Amino acid sequence: MTNNSVINSGKITKVRENNYDLLRIISTFAVILIHVNAFYISKMTDYASNLYWIGSAINIVTRFSVPCFVMLSGAFLLSNPKNKDYKTFYKKTFSKIFLPFIAVSVLLFPFAEINQLKMGGSLLAPIINIVTGNGYYNLWFMFMLFGLYIFVPIIIRVKESISNKSYCVVAVIWLLFAILNQLTTIYSMSYAFGVVFSYMGYFIIGNVIHENISGKKILSYF
């Protein structure tokens, strides 16, 4: 459930924001469709067939889902002033995000070891991959998310120290860098940015949209 805090008569109450819930549901289905579609399209050899082009079209139109999830995370994590406290936020993140990730990694570890044995690789490879963030390709999102979460208290403190207009401008510029990074990846340019800093643009712009466009205040800043 997606909530937003509202102060009413001195009390903080949670208000459900159904539009964000709907967006999360749509993005969830899109992610599922990406993986199901990839399973079938990877087995196709006739690149001129209609089925291949349909699969490619599905792959394109569903790619919004991951940036959308990142924007949703930024929308609410960066809107909560309590998250600027390092100890409290990191403790909450450790219990809600990091521990479940460790549990899943432990469950997948035997399968990774078996796969290494079949391929004749090193049994240490799965451990090295986890440490370097290259293990379990289906969990890459979590490694990226950990990087974003580390900066949450810092971003909130910076946000509170500058004007809202400046914050919006920074968010838009960072989003442009995120888009540019996709081009640098495709064309192997030397100034490509890291994964975490690329998605940081989506993370911050999600917060800007939530706090400004939702309140119909964005036009007053430009």
Foldseek 3Di string as FASTA:
>chain_A
DDWDWDQDPNDTDTDDDVVLVVLLVLLVVLVVLLVVLCVVLVPDDPCPDPSNVVSVVSNVVSVVSLLSVLLSQLQPLLVDLVLLPPVVLVVVCCVPQVVVVVVVLVVCLVVVQVVCVVVVHDSCVQVVCVVVLNHDVVCSSSVLVVLLSNCSSVLSVVCVVDDLLVLLVVLVVLQVLLVVLVVCVVVVPPPRDDSNSSSVSSSSVSNNCNVDVVVVNVVVSD
